[in-house]
Structures are given as structure tokens and as C-alpha cells.
Amino acid sequence: MSKHRIYTMSFASVYPHYVAKAEKKGRTKAEVDEIITWLTGYSQEELAEQLEKKTNFESFFAEAPQLNPSRALIKGVICGVRVEDIEEPTMKEIRYLDKLIDELAKGKAMGKILRS
């Protein structure tokens, strides 16, 4: 079975879309970055390096310093698929991030998004 094409896409190519989606709804790039650093454990500097290197999604999550254990609390549907039912680990991480950005764009409080 071949890998989904998202795995080979650079994270940097999708990142502006996350920011645009948030900003269109009155949220900020800083909030997008906070979500990404919360989920992956990357520092702001490490995130900037990943974007600069144009790391692909698969490597971005594989190299993440500390995937947040609270991410298992992320539930719901994204792109018509229930996040908690996704079995492929990398796809699950990608969809976790999609779901968090979605919640941000829908105006959810940061504390709820970050499951605190």
C-alpha cells in the first residue's frame, strides 16, 4: 500500500493555510504556533527550523521532541473521519493538528483546545 501524499508534503507548504484559516476567524499566528508547540513539543525556534528546512509531515511528527500525552483527549470528526478511529499513527497526528486548528477557527477557548 502506498503512503498518503500528505506524508511527503512539506509541513511549511501547509502551515500558511493553518495560519490563514485562523486569521480569517480573528485568531492569530501566535495561537497556531502555540497549538503546534503544545502538540509536538517543538520550541518556537525548533518550529521555525522545521519550516525553514521544509520538513515533510512524516518527518515533522517522527522528529517531534515530545508528543503531548493529552493529545489522546482530542476527539471528534475531521474531514469526515472520527479522529479516535484513525489507526495509522502519522495520519492520526496530522488529523489531531487539523482538529485543533479547526477548533481554533471555530472560536474555542485556548484552554479547551489545549485540553487543560
C-alpha atoms as a PDB file:
ATOM      1  CA  MET A   1       0.000   0.000   0.000  1.00  0.00           C
ATOM      2  CA  SER A   2       1.418   3.402  -0.934  1.00  0.00           C
ATOM      3  CA  LYS A   3       1.646   6.211   1.557  1.00  0.00           C
ATOM      4  CA  HIS A   4      -0.837   9.049   1.514  1.00  0.00           C
ATOM      5  CA  ARG A   5       0.615  12.031  -0.343  1.00  0.00           C
ATOM      6  CA  ILE A   6       0.286  14.284   2.738  1.00  0.00           C
ATOM      7  CA  TYR A   7       3.218  12.388   4.305  1.00  0.00           C
ATOM      8  CA  THR A   8       5.626  13.663   1.657  1.00  0.00           C
ATOM      9  CA  MET A   9       4.230  17.214   1.549  1.00  0.00           C
ATOM     10  CA  SER A  10       6.325  19.777   3.337  1.00  0.00           C
ATOM     11  CA  PHE A  11       4.851  20.997   6.602  1.00  0.00           C
ATOM     12  CA  ALA A  12       5.909  24.509   5.536  1.00  0.00           C
ATOM     13  CA  SER A  13       3.620  24.317   2.487  1.00  0.00           C
ATOM     14  CA  VAL A  14       0.534  23.674   4.645  1.00  0.00           C
ATOM     15  CA  TYR A  15       1.451  25.875   7.622  1.00  0.00           C
ATOM     16  CA  PRO A  16       0.352  29.153   5.906  1.00  0.00           C
ATOM     17  CA  HIS A  17      -3.080  27.570   5.351  1.00  0.00           C
ATOM     18  CA  TYR A  18      -3.387  26.831   9.082  1.00  0.00           C
ATOM     19  CA  VAL A  19      -2.473  30.453   9.845  1.00  0.00           C
ATOM     20  CA  ALA A  20      -4.837  31.838   7.182  1.00  0.00           C
ATOM     21  CA  LYS A  21      -7.723  29.705   8.453  1.00  0.00           C
ATOM     22  CA  ALA A  22      -7.161  31.004  11.987  1.00  0.00           C
ATOM     23  CA  GLU A  23      -6.666  34.640  10.976  1.00  0.00           C
ATOM     24  CA  LYS A  24      -9.789  34.593   8.799  1.00  0.00           C
ATOM     25  CA  LYS A  25     -11.707  33.878  12.009  1.00  0.00           C
ATOM     26  CA  GLY A  26      -9.951  36.549  14.062  1.00  0.00           C
ATOM     27  CA  ARG A  27      -7.348  34.291  15.658  1.00  0.00           C
ATOM     28  CA  THR A  28      -3.571  34.723  15.438  1.00  0.00           C
ATOM     29  CA  LYS A  29      -0.437  33.071  14.064  1.00  0.00           C
ATOM     30  CA  ALA A  30       0.836  33.009  17.663  1.00  0.00           C
ATOM     31  CA  GLU A  31      -2.158  30.859  18.648  1.00  0.00           C
ATOM     32  CA  VAL A  32      -1.483  28.488  15.733  1.00  0.00           C
ATOM     33  CA  ASP A  33       2.153  28.217  16.860  1.00  0.00           C
ATOM     34  CA  GLU A  34       1.056  27.621  20.458  1.00  0.00           C
ATOM     35  CA  ILE A  35      -1.128  24.721  19.301  1.00  0.00           C
ATOM     36  CA  ILE A  36       1.698  23.215  17.228  1.00  0.00           C
ATOM     37  CA  THR A  37       4.267  23.531  20.032  1.00  0.00           C
ATOM     38  CA  TRP A  38       1.768  22.104  22.560  1.00  0.00           C
ATOM     39  CA  LEU A  39       1.045  19.104  20.315  1.00  0.00           C
ATOM     40  CA  THR A  40       4.614  18.324  19.228  1.00  0.00           C
ATOM     41  CA  GLY A  41       6.938  19.647  21.922  1.00  0.00           C
ATOM     42  CA  TYR A  42       8.864  21.725  19.396  1.00  0.00           C
ATOM     43  CA  SER A  43      10.070  25.055  20.776  1.00  0.00           C
ATOM     44  CA  GLN A  44       9.275  28.182  18.769  1.00  0.00           C
ATOM     45  CA  GLU A  45      12.842  28.106  17.415  1.00  0.00           C
ATOM     46  CA  GLU A  46      12.641  24.403  16.501  1.00  0.00           C
ATOM     47  CA  LEU A  47       9.316  25.007  14.750  1.00  0.00           C
ATOM     48  CA  ALA A  48      10.911  27.817  12.721  1.00  0.00           C
ATOM     49  CA  GLU A  49      13.785  25.446  11.790  1.00  0.00           C
ATOM     50  CA  GLN A  50      11.341  22.754  10.638  1.00  0.00           C
ATOM     51  CA  LEU A  51       9.525  25.308   8.491  1.00  0.00           C
ATOM     52  CA  GLU A  52      12.807  26.589   7.061  1.00  0.00           C
ATOM     53  CA  LYS A  53      14.021  23.037   6.258  1.00  0.00           C
ATOM     54  CA  LYS A  54      10.667  22.316   4.587  1.00  0.00           C
ATOM     55  CA  THR A  55      10.429  19.070   6.555  1.00  0.00           C
ATOM     56  CA  ASN A  56       7.719  16.722   5.278  1.00  0.00           C
ATOM     57  CA  PHE A  57       4.779  15.792   7.521  1.00  0.00           C
ATOM     58  CA  GLU A  58       6.051  12.294   8.222  1.00  0.00           C
ATOM     59  CA  SER A  59       9.439  13.569   9.451  1.00  0.00           C
ATOM     60  CA  PHE A  60       7.858  16.549  11.224  1.00  0.00           C
ATOM     61  CA  PHE A  61       5.905  14.223  13.532  1.00  0.00           C
ATOM     62  CA  ALA A  62       8.588  11.500  13.669  1.00  0.00           C
ATOM     63  CA  GLU A  63      11.154  14.074  14.864  1.00  0.00           C
ATOM     64  CA  ALA A  64       8.794  15.841  17.279  1.00  0.00           C
ATOM     65  CA  PRO A  65      10.626  16.229  20.607  1.00  0.00           C
ATOM     66  CA  GLN A  66       7.685  15.293  22.849  1.00  0.00           C
ATOM     67  CA  LEU A  67       4.233  14.471  21.501  1.00  0.00           C
ATOM     68  CA  ASN A  68       1.808  15.698  24.131  1.00  0.00           C
ATOM     69  CA  PRO A  69       0.217  12.785  26.038  1.00  0.00           C
ATOM     70  CA  SER A  70      -3.002  14.835  26.382  1.00  0.00           C
ATOM     71  CA  ARG A  71      -3.481  14.640  22.612  1.00  0.00           C
ATOM     72  CA  ALA A  72      -5.354  11.378  23.219  1.00  0.00           C
ATOM     73  CA  LEU A  73      -8.153  13.589  24.600  1.00  0.00           C
ATOM     74  CA  ILE A  74      -8.696  15.072  21.131  1.00  0.00           C
ATOM     75  CA  LYS A  75     -11.911  13.567  19.823  1.00  0.00           C
ATOM     76  CA  GLY A  76     -14.360  14.341  17.057  1.00  0.00           C
ATOM     77  CA  VAL A  77     -14.693  14.348  13.303  1.00  0.00           C
ATOM     78  CA  ILE A  78     -12.274  15.961  10.863  1.00  0.00           C
ATOM     79  CA  CYS A  79     -12.575  15.549   7.082  1.00  0.00           C
ATOM     80  CA  GLY A  80     -15.474  13.179   7.691  1.00  0.00           C
ATOM     81  CA  VAL A  81     -13.387  10.794   9.784  1.00  0.00           C
ATOM     82  CA  ARG A  82     -13.553  10.252  13.536  1.00  0.00           C
ATOM     83  CA  VAL A  83     -10.065  11.140  14.856  1.00  0.00           C
ATOM     84  CA  GLU A  84     -10.102   8.485  17.564  1.00  0.00           C
ATOM     85  CA  ASP A  85     -10.780   5.765  14.936  1.00  0.00           C
ATOM     86  CA  ILE A  86      -7.691   6.528  12.819  1.00  0.00           C
ATOM     87  CA  GLU A  87      -5.223   3.671  13.260  1.00  0.00           C
ATOM     88  CA  GLU A  88      -2.222   4.850  11.218  1.00  0.00           C
ATOM     89  CA  PRO A  89      -0.058   6.782  13.746  1.00  0.00           C
ATOM     90  CA  THR A  90       1.246   9.559  11.464  1.00  0.00           C
ATOM     91  CA  MET A  91      -2.169  10.198   9.939  1.00  0.00           C
ATOM     92  CA  LYS A  92      -3.634  10.356  13.452  1.00  0.00           C
ATOM     93  CA  GLU A  93      -1.081  13.056  14.433  1.00  0.00           C
ATOM     94  CA  ILE A  94      -1.862  15.059  11.275  1.00  0.00           C
ATOM     95  CA  ARG A  95      -5.595  14.857  11.975  1.00  0.00           C
ATOM     96  CA  TYR A  96      -5.062  15.832  15.631  1.00  0.00           C
ATOM     97  CA  LEU A  97      -3.424  19.006  14.384  1.00  0.00           C
ATOM     98  CA  ASP A  98      -6.200  19.601  11.821  1.00  0.00           C
ATOM     99  CA  LYS A  99      -8.805  19.189  14.555  1.00  0.00           C
ATOM    100  CA  LEU A 100      -7.048  21.654  16.890  1.00  0.00           C
ATOM    101  CA  ILE A 101      -6.760  24.277  14.127  1.00  0.00           C
ATOM    102  CA  ASP A 102     -10.437  23.716  13.355  1.00  0.00           C
ATOM    103  CA  GLU A 103     -11.367  24.293  16.999  1.00  0.00           C
ATOM    104  CA  LEU A 104      -9.285  27.486  17.000  1.00  0.00           C
ATOM    105  CA  ALA A 105     -11.066  28.744  13.880  1.00  0.00           C
ATOM    106  CA  LYS A 106     -14.430  27.917  15.461  1.00  0.00           C
ATOM    107  CA  GLY A 107     -13.625  30.267  18.341  1.00  0.00           C
ATOM    108  CA  LYS A 108     -12.991  27.711  21.064  1.00  0.00           C
ATOM    109  CA  ALA A 109     -11.085  28.972  24.116  1.00  0.00           C
ATOM    110  CA  MET A 110      -7.362  28.200  24.065  1.00  0.00           C
ATOM    111  CA  GLY A 111      -7.576  26.329  27.392  1.00  0.00           C
ATOM    112  CA  LYS A 112     -10.164  23.949  25.926  1.00  0.00           C
ATOM    113  CA  ILE A 113      -8.202  23.491  22.697  1.00  0.00           C
ATOM    114  CA  LEU A 114      -5.072  22.595  24.667  1.00  0.00           C
ATOM    115  CA  ARG A 115      -7.095  20.185  26.809  1.00  0.00           C
ATOM    116  CA  SER A 116      -6.096  21.921  30.056  1.00  0.00           C
END
